[in-house]
Amino acid sequence: MRVTGLIGVYSDPDHVIAYDDGEVRQQFALSFSAELLGGELERSDESPDIRWVADNELDELPMHPSIRLRVDHGFEDRAEPDIG
């Protein structure tokens, strides 16, 4: 796979995780576009079900709204990344 661009940087200042040991974190995610160069899809402990889907199949998939936003931004082929 070859990375072709940055889709966006995603974070929510209202979503802060405080651990019992006093550590506090604000999560963020970087979403990239990429070109498939070869290989095979492989499952993992974090991704037990994987497959390629067309954009018109996305509404049928259970997906958290924050993830769907990132996927939609990827399909929009924006000139600039979302940094919200």
N, C-alpha and C. Protein backbone atom coordinates (compact mmCIF):
# COMPACT_ATOMS: atom_id res chain seq x y z
N MET A 1 0.84 -1.16 0.00
CA MET A 1 0.00 0.00 0.00
C MET A 1 0.90 1.23 0.00
N ARG A 2 0.48 2.24 -0.74
CA ARG A 2 1.22 3.50 -0.81
C ARG A 2 0.30 4.62 -0.37
N VAL A 3 0.70 5.38 0.65
CA VAL A 3 -0.10 6.50 1.14
C VAL A 3 -0.08 7.60 0.08
N THR A 4 -1.29 8.11 -0.25
CA THR A 4 -1.40 9.13 -1.29
C THR A 4 -1.84 10.48 -0.75
N GLY A 5 -2.29 10.53 0.50
CA GLY A 5 -2.71 11.82 1.05
C GLY A 5 -3.26 11.70 2.46
N LEU A 6 -3.44 12.83 3.06
CA LEU A 6 -4.04 12.94 4.39
C LEU A 6 -5.50 13.35 4.23
N ILE A 7 -6.42 12.52 4.70
CA ILE A 7 -7.84 12.84 4.64
C ILE A 7 -8.19 13.82 5.75
N GLY A 8 -7.69 13.57 6.96
CA GLY A 8 -8.01 14.48 8.05
C GLY A 8 -7.37 14.09 9.37
N VAL A 9 -7.42 15.04 10.29
CA VAL A 9 -6.99 14.85 11.67
C VAL A 9 -8.24 15.06 12.51
N TYR A 10 -8.60 14.06 13.30
CA TYR A 10 -9.87 14.07 14.02
C TYR A 10 -9.63 13.94 15.53
N SER A 11 -10.28 14.83 16.27
CA SER A 11 -10.20 14.79 17.72
C SER A 11 -11.40 15.53 18.28
N ASP A 12 -11.73 15.24 19.51
CA ASP A 12 -12.85 15.90 20.17
C ASP A 12 -12.39 16.31 21.56
N PRO A 13 -12.21 17.60 21.81
CA PRO A 13 -11.72 18.05 23.11
C PRO A 13 -12.66 17.68 24.26
N ASP A 14 -13.91 17.34 23.95
CA ASP A 14 -14.84 16.91 24.99
C ASP A 14 -14.74 15.41 25.29
N HIS A 15 -13.95 14.69 24.49
CA HIS A 15 -13.77 13.25 24.70
C HIS A 15 -12.38 13.04 25.32
N VAL A 16 -12.34 13.09 26.64
CA VAL A 16 -11.10 12.94 27.38
C VAL A 16 -11.21 11.68 28.23
N ILE A 17 -10.14 10.90 28.26
CA ILE A 17 -10.12 9.67 29.04
C ILE A 17 -9.21 9.87 30.24
N ALA A 18 -9.76 9.67 31.45
CA ALA A 18 -8.98 9.78 32.68
C ALA A 18 -8.83 8.38 33.27
N TYR A 19 -7.58 7.95 33.44
CA TYR A 19 -7.29 6.62 33.96
C TYR A 19 -7.16 6.66 35.48
N ASP A 20 -7.30 5.50 36.11
CA ASP A 20 -7.21 5.40 37.56
C ASP A 20 -5.87 5.86 38.12
N ASP A 21 -4.81 5.75 37.31
CA ASP A 21 -3.48 6.14 37.78
C ASP A 21 -3.21 7.63 37.64
N GLY A 22 -4.24 8.41 37.23
CA GLY A 22 -4.10 9.85 37.10
C GLY A 22 -3.77 10.34 35.71
N GLU A 23 -3.42 9.42 34.81
CA GLU A 23 -3.12 9.82 33.44
C GLU A 23 -4.40 10.26 32.74
N VAL A 24 -4.30 11.35 31.99
CA VAL A 24 -5.44 11.88 31.24
C VAL A 24 -5.02 12.01 29.78
N ARG A 25 -5.87 11.52 28.88
CA ARG A 25 -5.56 11.56 27.45
C ARG A 25 -6.73 12.10 26.65
N GLN A 26 -6.40 12.81 25.60
CA GLN A 26 -7.38 13.20 24.60
C GLN A 26 -7.00 12.46 23.33
N GLN A 27 -7.90 11.62 22.85
CA GLN A 27 -7.59 10.82 21.67
C GLN A 27 -7.64 11.66 20.40
N PHE A 28 -6.90 11.19 19.40
CA PHE A 28 -6.99 11.77 18.07
C PHE A 28 -6.76 10.66 17.06
N ALA A 29 -7.19 10.90 15.84
CA ALA A 29 -7.01 9.92 14.77
C ALA A 29 -6.54 10.64 13.51
N LEU A 30 -5.63 10.01 12.80
CA LEU A 30 -5.18 10.48 11.50
C LEU A 30 -5.74 9.52 10.46
N SER A 31 -6.40 10.05 9.44
CA SER A 31 -6.96 9.21 8.37
C SER A 31 -6.23 9.53 7.07
N PHE A 32 -5.76 8.47 6.42
CA PHE A 32 -5.00 8.62 5.19
C PHE A 32 -5.72 7.96 4.02
N SER A 33 -5.49 8.47 2.82
CA SER A 33 -5.89 7.78 1.61
C SER A 33 -4.67 7.00 1.13
N ALA A 34 -4.93 5.90 0.43
CA ALA A 34 -3.82 5.06 -0.02
C ALA A 34 -4.18 4.35 -1.31
N GLU A 35 -3.17 3.90 -1.98
CA GLU A 35 -3.32 3.12 -3.21
C GLU A 35 -2.91 1.69 -2.92
N LEU A 36 -3.76 0.76 -3.26
CA LEU A 36 -3.45 -0.65 -3.06
C LEU A 36 -2.46 -1.10 -4.13
N LEU A 37 -1.34 -1.65 -3.70
CA LEU A 37 -0.31 -2.10 -4.64
C LEU A 37 -0.28 -3.62 -4.78
N GLY A 38 -0.92 -4.34 -3.86
CA GLY A 38 -0.93 -5.79 -3.93
C GLY A 38 -1.15 -6.38 -2.55
N GLY A 39 -1.07 -7.68 -2.46
CA GLY A 39 -1.22 -8.35 -1.18
C GLY A 39 -2.63 -8.86 -0.97
N GLU A 40 -2.87 -9.37 0.22
CA GLU A 40 -4.16 -9.96 0.57
C GLU A 40 -4.66 -9.34 1.87
N LEU A 41 -5.98 -9.24 2.02
CA LEU A 41 -6.56 -8.80 3.28
C LEU A 41 -6.29 -9.86 4.34
N GLU A 42 -5.95 -9.42 5.55
CA GLU A 42 -5.70 -10.36 6.64
C GLU A 42 -6.43 -9.93 7.89
N ARG A 43 -7.08 -10.87 8.54
CA ARG A 43 -7.77 -10.62 9.80
C ARG A 43 -6.75 -10.49 10.93
N SER A 44 -7.20 -9.84 12.02
CA SER A 44 -6.38 -9.74 13.22
C SER A 44 -7.30 -9.75 14.43
N ASP A 45 -6.74 -9.71 15.63
CA ASP A 45 -7.56 -9.64 16.84
C ASP A 45 -8.40 -8.36 16.86
N GLU A 46 -7.86 -7.28 16.29
CA GLU A 46 -8.59 -6.02 16.26
C GLU A 46 -9.55 -5.92 15.08
N SER A 47 -9.32 -6.70 14.06
CA SER A 47 -10.15 -6.67 12.84
C SER A 47 -10.55 -8.08 12.44
N PRO A 48 -11.52 -8.66 13.16
CA PRO A 48 -11.89 -10.05 12.87
C PRO A 48 -12.71 -10.22 11.58
N ASP A 49 -13.31 -9.14 11.07
CA ASP A 49 -14.11 -9.21 9.86
C ASP A 49 -13.68 -8.08 8.94
N ILE A 50 -13.09 -8.42 7.81
CA ILE A 50 -12.62 -7.40 6.86
C ILE A 50 -13.07 -7.74 5.46
N ARG A 51 -13.32 -6.70 4.67
CA ARG A 51 -13.69 -6.88 3.26
C ARG A 51 -13.70 -5.52 2.59
N TRP A 52 -13.60 -5.52 1.29
CA TRP A 52 -13.72 -4.30 0.51
C TRP A 52 -15.20 -4.07 0.25
N VAL A 53 -15.66 -2.83 0.37
CA VAL A 53 -17.05 -2.50 0.07
C VAL A 53 -17.10 -1.26 -0.82
N ALA A 54 -18.13 -1.18 -1.63
CA ALA A 54 -18.36 0.01 -2.46
C ALA A 54 -19.03 1.09 -1.61
N ASP A 55 -18.90 2.32 -2.02
CA ASP A 55 -19.48 3.42 -1.25
C ASP A 55 -21.00 3.31 -1.12
N ASN A 56 -21.65 2.69 -2.09
CA ASN A 56 -23.11 2.55 -2.00
C ASN A 56 -23.55 1.45 -1.03
N GLU A 57 -22.62 0.73 -0.44
CA GLU A 57 -22.93 -0.30 0.56
C GLU A 57 -22.73 0.20 2.00
N LEU A 58 -22.21 1.40 2.17
CA LEU A 58 -21.84 1.89 3.50
C LEU A 58 -23.03 2.03 4.44
N ASP A 59 -24.19 2.41 3.90
CA ASP A 59 -25.36 2.60 4.77
C ASP A 59 -25.81 1.29 5.42
N GLU A 60 -25.43 0.16 4.86
CA GLU A 60 -25.82 -1.14 5.40
C GLU A 60 -24.90 -1.60 6.54
N LEU A 61 -23.79 -0.92 6.75
CA LEU A 61 -22.81 -1.36 7.74
C LEU A 61 -23.00 -0.65 9.07
N PRO A 62 -22.89 -1.40 10.19
CA PRO A 62 -22.94 -0.74 11.50
C PRO A 62 -21.63 0.02 11.71
N MET A 63 -21.74 1.33 11.89
CA MET A 63 -20.55 2.16 11.98
C MET A 63 -20.83 3.35 12.89
N HIS A 64 -19.91 3.64 13.81
CA HIS A 64 -20.06 4.80 14.67
C HIS A 64 -20.04 6.06 13.81
N PRO A 65 -20.85 7.07 14.15
CA PRO A 65 -20.91 8.30 13.34
C PRO A 65 -19.55 8.97 13.14
N SER A 66 -18.67 8.91 14.13
CA SER A 66 -17.36 9.55 13.97
C SER A 66 -16.51 8.82 12.92
N ILE A 67 -16.66 7.51 12.83
CA ILE A 67 -15.94 6.75 11.81
C ILE A 67 -16.56 7.00 10.44
N ARG A 68 -17.88 7.04 10.37
CA ARG A 68 -18.56 7.29 9.10
C ARG A 68 -18.16 8.64 8.53
N LEU A 69 -17.98 9.65 9.39
CA LEU A 69 -17.54 10.97 8.94
C LEU A 69 -16.19 10.88 8.23
N ARG A 70 -15.27 10.13 8.80
CA ARG A 70 -13.94 9.97 8.21
C ARG A 70 -14.02 9.24 6.86
N VAL A 71 -14.84 8.20 6.80
CA VAL A 71 -15.01 7.46 5.55
C VAL A 71 -15.62 8.37 4.48
N ASP A 72 -16.65 9.12 4.85
CA ASP A 72 -17.29 10.03 3.90
C ASP A 72 -16.29 11.07 3.39
N HIS A 73 -15.46 11.61 4.28
CA HIS A 73 -14.45 12.58 3.85
C HIS A 73 -13.48 11.95 2.86
N GLY A 74 -13.14 10.68 3.06
CA GLY A 74 -12.25 10.00 2.12
C GLY A 74 -12.86 9.87 0.74
N PHE A 75 -14.14 9.60 0.66
CA PHE A 75 -14.81 9.48 -0.64
C PHE A 75 -15.00 10.84 -1.31
N GLU A 76 -14.97 11.92 -0.54
CA GLU A 76 -15.16 13.25 -1.12
C GLU A 76 -13.95 13.74 -1.89
N ASP A 77 -12.79 13.12 -1.72
CA ASP A 77 -11.57 13.50 -2.45
C ASP A 77 -11.31 15.00 -2.33
N ARG A 78 -11.26 15.47 -1.10
CA ARG A 78 -11.07 16.89 -0.83
C ARG A 78 -9.67 17.36 -1.22
N ALA A 79 -9.57 18.63 -1.57
CA ALA A 79 -8.27 19.22 -1.92
C ALA A 79 -7.42 19.44 -0.67
N GLU A 80 -8.06 19.70 0.47
CA GLU A 80 -7.37 19.94 1.73
C GLU A 80 -7.90 18.97 2.77
N PRO A 81 -7.05 18.51 3.69
CA PRO A 81 -7.54 17.62 4.75
C PRO A 81 -8.43 18.35 5.74
N ASP A 82 -9.31 17.59 6.39
CA ASP A 82 -10.14 18.12 7.47
C ASP A 82 -9.29 18.12 8.73
N ILE A 83 -9.21 19.25 9.41
CA ILE A 83 -8.40 19.32 10.63
C ILE A 83 -9.27 19.82 11.78
N GLY A 84 -10.48 19.25 11.85
CA GLY A 84 -11.44 19.68 12.87
C GLY A 84 -11.37 18.90 14.13
